Amino acid sequence: MLKKGFFAKLKDGLSKTRDSFNSKLDNVLSVFKKVDEELFEELEEALIMADVGVDTSLYIIGELRKKVKENKITETEQVKGAIEEIVAELLCKNDNTINTSTKPAVIMVIGVNGVGKTTSIGKLAARYMQGGKKVILGAADTFRAAAIDQLQIWADRSGVEIVKHQEGSDPASVVFDTIAAAKSRGSDIIILDTAGRLHNKKNLMDELAKISRIIERELPDSSVETLLVLDATTGQNAVNQAKLFSEAASISGLVLTKLDGSAKGGIVLAISHEQNIPVKLVGVGEGIDDLQDFAPADFAKALFE
């Protein structure tokens, strides 16, 4: 029953994307009476217009050609189902789960201002707390005005502990103290709010490398996730951010926020395929429980139904 509730929420959250995505595909499919090369070309263009990205659209249509041939598809009504299958297969290629198998497990979260990074951390912390885990937050985004205060509000709201220093202090020292506190308090999960200043990639790389060295030294056997938070409403710009951050850090997964406010959810396909980074969490609403695990098959289903 709970699963159905989650799917319904995902489906509602994807309504703008689904309407945009389906209308573009349906407009093409309604015109054609047979499955031929001209149809493939029109569908390819429709996918590009639906924020799927050029490379990913080419890939999907390439796979569609194979499916049409293998399954002897001759009716245009069957084509949409074949595209849905391809989308689900594309999204299932990577591991979409967050690894929290060790005690403590470390989740490092990065992202530029305004994408919903702090909010995502707060919601994630609340969810782990509700699941009976002991969570501690590290306020290591020390250079952005009010970042520490925002995280404190979420810590209070979620009922989790927080380690923080003064604004402008060394992020690595915050991480060191957070790990020490986690060890002494028996925390299950450490969530680190780290910087995302892309305009100075060298500084970002140096800072994240320094933090990674501390985690490796202090918690050599812990699982470590590095999650990049992206705003779905920014469309292709989110794809570019994923590319740039991947050059600066080893990203293990993505958190895609504001899907409910966007018609550009097609970028999930572009990022998954082009950057080969799994989407691990999606935000489909304002509520504290609206940050969901990304379920590829459910996403594909909700995109087409």
Protein backbone atom coordinates (compact mmCIF):
# COMPACT_ATOMS: atom_id res chain seq x y z
CA MET A 1 0.00 0.00 0.00
CA LEU A 2 2.84 2.36 0.90
CA LYS A 3 4.52 1.59 -2.43
CA LYS A 4 1.34 2.59 -4.26
CA GLY A 5 1.28 5.87 -2.32
CA PHE A 6 4.84 6.61 -3.38
CA PHE A 7 4.05 5.80 -7.01
CA ALA A 8 0.97 8.04 -6.94
CA LYS A 9 3.09 10.86 -5.54
CA LEU A 10 5.73 10.33 -8.21
CA LYS A 11 3.07 10.27 -10.90
CA ASP A 12 1.56 13.52 -9.60
CA GLY A 13 5.01 15.09 -9.36
CA LEU A 14 5.79 14.18 -12.96
CA SER A 15 2.51 15.53 -14.37
CA LYS A 16 4.08 18.55 -16.11
CA THR A 17 6.90 16.47 -17.56
CA ARG A 18 4.52 13.69 -18.59
CA ASP A 19 2.16 16.11 -20.35
CA SER A 20 5.03 17.71 -22.24
CA PHE A 21 6.74 14.40 -23.04
CA ASN A 22 3.62 12.56 -24.17
CA SER A 23 2.15 15.41 -26.18
CA LYS A 24 5.35 15.61 -28.24
CA LEU A 25 5.42 11.86 -28.89
CA ASP A 26 1.67 11.61 -29.50
CA ASN A 27 1.75 14.49 -31.99
CA VAL A 28 4.24 12.51 -34.07
CA LEU A 29 2.60 9.09 -33.69
CA SER A 30 -0.87 10.39 -34.57
CA VAL A 31 0.35 11.62 -37.98
CA PHE A 32 2.08 8.42 -39.11
CA LYS A 33 0.28 5.32 -40.27
CA LYS A 34 3.35 3.11 -40.67
CA VAL A 35 6.64 2.54 -38.88
CA ASP A 36 9.37 3.83 -41.18
CA GLU A 37 12.55 5.91 -41.22
CA GLU A 38 10.63 9.18 -41.41
CA LEU A 39 8.79 8.27 -38.19
CA PHE A 40 12.10 7.54 -36.44
CA GLU A 41 13.47 10.93 -37.48
CA GLU A 42 10.37 12.77 -36.22
CA LEU A 43 10.43 10.87 -32.91
CA GLU A 44 14.11 11.71 -32.48
CA GLU A 45 13.31 15.40 -32.86
CA ALA A 46 10.38 15.10 -30.43
CA LEU A 47 12.65 13.53 -27.78
CA ILE A 48 15.24 16.29 -28.20
CA MET A 49 12.47 18.88 -27.74
CA ALA A 50 11.41 17.02 -24.57
CA ASP A 51 14.81 17.75 -22.90
CA VAL A 52 16.10 14.22 -23.39
CA GLY A 53 19.26 15.58 -25.03
CA VAL A 54 20.71 14.88 -28.47
CA ASP A 55 22.99 11.93 -27.60
CA THR A 56 20.33 10.19 -25.53
CA SER A 57 17.63 10.75 -28.14
CA LEU A 58 19.90 9.20 -30.80
CA TYR A 59 20.52 6.25 -28.48
CA ILE A 60 16.79 5.71 -27.75
CA ILE A 61 15.87 5.82 -31.44
CA GLY A 62 18.76 3.47 -32.26
CA GLU A 63 17.39 0.99 -29.71
CA LEU A 64 13.87 1.53 -31.06
CA ARG A 65 15.01 0.55 -34.55
CA LYS A 66 16.37 -2.72 -33.11
CA LYS A 67 13.15 -3.44 -31.17
CA VAL A 68 10.98 -2.73 -34.19
CA LYS A 69 13.02 -5.17 -36.24
CA GLU A 70 13.27 -7.89 -33.56
CA ASN A 71 9.60 -7.73 -32.51
CA LYS A 72 8.30 -7.08 -36.04
CA ILE A 73 6.46 -3.94 -34.90
CA THR A 74 4.32 -2.56 -37.72
CA GLU A 75 1.72 -0.49 -35.86
CA THR A 76 2.50 3.00 -34.57
CA GLU A 77 0.42 2.27 -31.42
CA GLN A 78 3.06 -0.29 -30.37
CA VAL A 79 5.93 2.17 -30.77
CA LYS A 80 5.21 4.11 -27.57
CA GLY A 81 5.31 0.94 -25.47
CA ALA A 82 8.65 0.05 -27.04
CA ILE A 83 10.04 3.51 -26.16
CA GLU A 84 8.86 3.07 -22.55
CA GLU A 85 10.73 -0.26 -22.35
CA ILE A 86 13.91 1.36 -23.71
CA VAL A 87 13.65 4.23 -21.21
CA ALA A 88 13.24 1.78 -18.30
CA GLU A 89 16.23 -0.28 -19.52
CA LEU A 90 18.35 2.86 -19.88
CA LEU A 91 17.57 4.00 -16.33
CA CYS A 92 18.17 0.54 -14.83
CA LYS A 93 21.77 0.31 -16.05
CA ASN A 94 23.23 1.84 -12.86
CA ASP A 95 22.83 1.11 -9.16
CA ASN A 96 20.25 3.62 -7.92
CA THR A 97 20.51 2.77 -4.21
CA ILE A 98 22.40 4.80 -1.59
CA ASN A 99 24.99 2.66 0.17
CA THR A 100 24.60 2.96 3.96
CA SER A 101 25.91 -0.53 4.73
CA THR A 102 28.60 0.54 7.23
CA LYS A 103 28.40 2.20 10.63
CA PRO A 104 28.90 5.02 10.22
CA ALA A 105 28.09 5.54 6.54
CA VAL A 106 29.12 8.87 5.00
CA ILE A 107 27.00 10.89 2.57
CA MET A 108 28.69 13.97 1.16
CA VAL A 109 26.33 16.40 -0.59
CA ILE A 110 27.39 19.08 -3.08
CA GLY A 111 25.56 21.49 -5.37
CA VAL A 112 25.40 25.15 -6.37
CA ASN A 113 23.28 27.74 -4.55
CA GLY A 114 19.54 27.55 -5.07
CA VAL A 115 19.20 23.93 -6.18
CA GLY A 116 17.69 22.75 -2.90
CA LYS A 117 20.84 21.20 -1.39
CA THR A 118 20.20 22.07 2.26
CA THR A 119 16.52 21.16 1.98
CA SER A 120 17.43 17.79 0.46
CA ILE A 121 19.88 17.12 3.30
CA GLY A 122 17.20 17.97 5.87
CA LYS A 123 14.63 15.70 4.25
CA LEU A 124 17.15 12.87 3.90
CA ALA A 125 18.16 13.21 7.55
CA ALA A 126 14.51 13.15 8.63
CA ARG A 127 13.88 10.02 6.61
CA TYR A 128 16.81 8.13 8.13
CA MET A 129 15.73 9.25 11.61
CA GLN A 130 12.20 7.96 10.97
CA GLY A 131 13.80 4.67 9.93
CA GLY A 132 15.49 4.42 13.34
CA LYS A 133 18.97 5.57 12.32
CA LYS A 134 21.09 7.95 14.38
CA VAL A 135 22.11 10.81 12.08
CA ILE A 136 24.63 13.60 12.46
CA LEU A 137 25.01 16.58 10.11
CA GLY A 138 28.26 18.40 9.34
CA ALA A 139 27.89 22.04 8.26
CA ALA A 140 30.93 22.11 5.95
CA ASP A 141 29.50 24.65 3.47
CA THR A 142 31.15 27.38 5.53
CA PHE A 143 31.53 30.15 2.95
CA ARG A 144 27.94 30.66 1.81
CA ALA A 145 26.03 33.20 3.87
CA ALA A 146 23.31 31.60 6.01
CA ALA A 147 24.14 28.01 4.90
CA ILE A 148 25.01 27.04 8.48
CA ASP A 149 21.84 28.66 9.85
CA GLN A 150 19.70 26.89 7.23
CA LEU A 151 21.21 23.54 8.14
CA GLN A 152 20.63 24.22 11.84
CA ILE A 153 16.92 24.84 11.14
CA TRP A 154 16.68 21.50 9.32
CA ALA A 155 18.60 19.74 12.09
CA ASP A 156 16.10 21.09 14.64
CA ARG A 157 13.15 20.17 12.44
CA SER A 158 14.45 16.65 11.78
CA GLY A 159 15.61 16.04 15.33
CA VAL A 160 19.22 15.26 14.37
CA GLU A 161 22.54 16.42 15.77
CA ILE A 162 24.72 18.94 13.98
CA VAL A 163 28.39 19.93 14.10
CA LYS A 164 29.14 23.48 12.98
CA HIS A 165 31.90 26.10 13.16
CA GLN A 166 31.91 29.82 12.45
CA GLU A 167 31.13 31.07 8.94
CA GLY A 168 34.32 31.18 6.85
CA SER A 169 36.11 28.45 8.82
CA ASP A 170 37.92 25.53 7.19
CA PRO A 171 35.38 23.00 5.83
CA ALA A 172 37.82 20.11 6.34
CA SER A 173 38.06 20.87 10.07
CA VAL A 174 34.25 20.74 10.31
CA VAL A 175 34.34 17.32 8.62
CA PHE A 176 37.06 16.11 11.03
CA ASP A 177 35.01 17.24 14.07
CA THR A 178 31.80 15.73 12.65
CA ILE A 179 33.50 12.35 12.22
CA ALA A 180 34.91 12.53 15.76
CA ALA A 181 31.45 13.34 17.13
CA ALA A 182 29.88 10.53 15.10
CA LYS A 183 32.37 8.03 16.50
CA SER A 184 31.87 9.10 20.11
CA ARG A 185 28.06 9.22 19.82
CA GLY A 186 27.64 5.99 17.84
CA SER A 187 26.02 7.65 14.83
CA ASP A 188 24.81 5.46 11.97
CA ILE A 189 24.94 8.06 9.21
CA ILE A 190 27.03 11.19 8.68
CA ILE A 191 25.64 13.71 6.17
CA LEU A 192 28.07 16.44 5.14
CA ASP A 193 26.86 19.68 3.56
CA THR A 194 29.80 20.71 1.37
CA ALA A 195 30.41 23.61 -1.00
CA GLY A 196 29.55 23.81 -4.66
CA ARG A 197 31.29 26.85 -6.07
CA LEU A 198 31.74 25.86 -9.69
CA HIS A 199 33.10 29.23 -10.78
CA ASN A 200 36.41 28.28 -9.19
CA LYS A 201 36.75 24.60 -10.03
CA LYS A 202 40.37 24.30 -8.84
CA ASN A 203 39.43 25.49 -5.33
CA LEU A 204 36.44 23.16 -5.29
CA MET A 205 38.56 20.19 -6.36
CA ASP A 206 41.19 20.98 -3.71
CA GLU A 207 38.58 21.37 -0.99
CA LEU A 208 36.75 18.13 -1.86
CA ALA A 209 40.05 16.25 -2.15
CA LYS A 210 41.06 17.47 1.32
CA ILE A 211 37.70 16.37 2.77
CA SER A 212 38.00 12.98 1.06
CA ARG A 213 41.47 12.45 2.55
CA ILE A 214 40.13 13.13 6.05
CA ILE A 215 37.22 10.69 5.57
CA GLU A 216 39.61 8.05 4.20
CA ARG A 217 42.03 8.49 7.09
CA GLU A 218 39.44 8.64 9.90
CA LEU A 219 36.92 6.16 8.49
CA PRO A 220 38.92 3.89 6.15
CA ASP A 221 36.28 1.14 6.01
CA SER A 222 33.17 3.29 5.70
CA SER A 223 30.91 3.48 2.68
CA VAL A 224 31.05 6.95 1.13
CA GLU A 225 28.48 8.45 -1.23
CA THR A 226 29.05 11.77 -2.98
CA LEU A 227 25.69 13.09 -4.10
CA LEU A 228 25.26 16.05 -6.46
CA VAL A 229 22.02 18.01 -6.11
CA LEU A 230 20.53 19.39 -9.34
CA ASP A 231 17.43 21.49 -9.99
CA ALA A 232 15.20 19.78 -12.59
CA THR A 233 13.63 23.09 -13.64
CA THR A 234 16.94 24.24 -15.13
CA GLY A 235 16.79 21.53 -17.83
CA GLN A 236 19.91 21.30 -19.98
CA ASN A 237 21.83 23.51 -17.54
CA ALA A 238 21.53 20.71 -14.96
CA VAL A 239 23.16 18.34 -17.45
CA ASN A 240 26.05 20.80 -17.86
CA GLN A 241 26.42 21.09 -14.07
CA ALA A 242 26.59 17.30 -13.78
CA LYS A 243 29.36 17.26 -16.38
CA LEU A 244 31.39 20.02 -14.71
CA PHE A 245 31.03 18.61 -11.19
CA SER A 246 32.05 15.17 -12.47
CA GLU A 247 35.30 16.73 -13.64
CA ALA A 248 35.89 18.22 -10.17
CA ALA A 249 34.77 15.30 -7.99
CA SER A 250 33.92 11.62 -8.07
CA ILE A 251 30.10 11.78 -8.07
CA SER A 252 28.41 8.53 -7.06
CA GLY A 253 24.81 9.68 -7.51
CA LEU A 254 22.39 12.52 -8.20
CA VAL A 255 19.57 14.12 -6.27
CA LEU A 256 17.12 15.73 -8.67
CA THR A 257 14.95 18.36 -6.97
CA LYS A 258 11.81 20.27 -8.03
CA LEU A 259 10.61 17.62 -10.48
CA ASP A 260 7.05 18.54 -9.53
CA GLY A 261 7.58 22.11 -10.73
CA SER A 262 9.19 21.19 -14.02
CA ALA A 263 8.20 20.03 -17.49
CA LYS A 264 11.87 19.15 -18.04
CA GLY A 265 12.06 15.80 -16.26
CA GLY A 266 13.39 14.33 -19.50
CA ILE A 267 16.82 15.46 -18.32
CA VAL A 268 16.83 12.43 -15.99
CA LEU A 269 17.38 10.33 -19.12
CA ALA A 270 20.05 12.66 -20.51
CA ILE A 271 22.07 12.72 -17.27
CA SER A 272 21.76 8.97 -16.63
CA HIS A 273 22.88 8.10 -20.15
CA GLU A 274 25.38 10.83 -21.07
CA GLN A 275 27.13 11.21 -17.72
CA ASN A 276 26.60 7.61 -16.59
CA ILE A 277 25.71 8.84 -13.10
CA PRO A 278 22.74 7.16 -11.41
CA VAL A 279 19.87 9.27 -10.12
CA LYS A 280 19.42 8.15 -6.50
CA LEU A 281 16.80 10.54 -5.10
CA VAL A 282 14.06 12.72 -6.59
CA GLY A 283 12.13 15.57 -5.03
CA VAL A 284 8.46 15.57 -6.03
CA GLY A 285 6.96 18.07 -3.58
CA GLU A 286 7.49 20.50 -0.72
CA GLY A 287 6.74 18.09 2.15
CA ILE A 288 9.42 16.59 4.37
CA ASP A 289 8.59 13.11 3.01
CA ASP A 290 8.60 14.18 -0.66
CA LEU A 291 12.22 13.21 -1.29
CA GLN A 292 11.97 9.69 -2.69
CA ASP A 293 14.30 6.89 -3.69
CA PHE A 294 14.58 6.86 -7.46
CA ALA A 295 12.88 3.75 -8.85
CA PRO A 296 13.74 3.54 -12.59
CA ALA A 297 10.84 1.31 -13.64
CA ASP A 298 8.34 3.45 -11.69
CA PHE A 299 9.78 6.60 -13.22
CA ALA A 300 9.44 5.20 -16.75
CA LYS A 301 5.89 4.08 -16.00
CA ALA A 302 4.92 7.45 -14.49
CA LEU A 303 6.43 9.24 -17.48
CA PHE A 304 4.20 7.45 -19.98
CA GLU A 305 0.93 6.73 -18.14
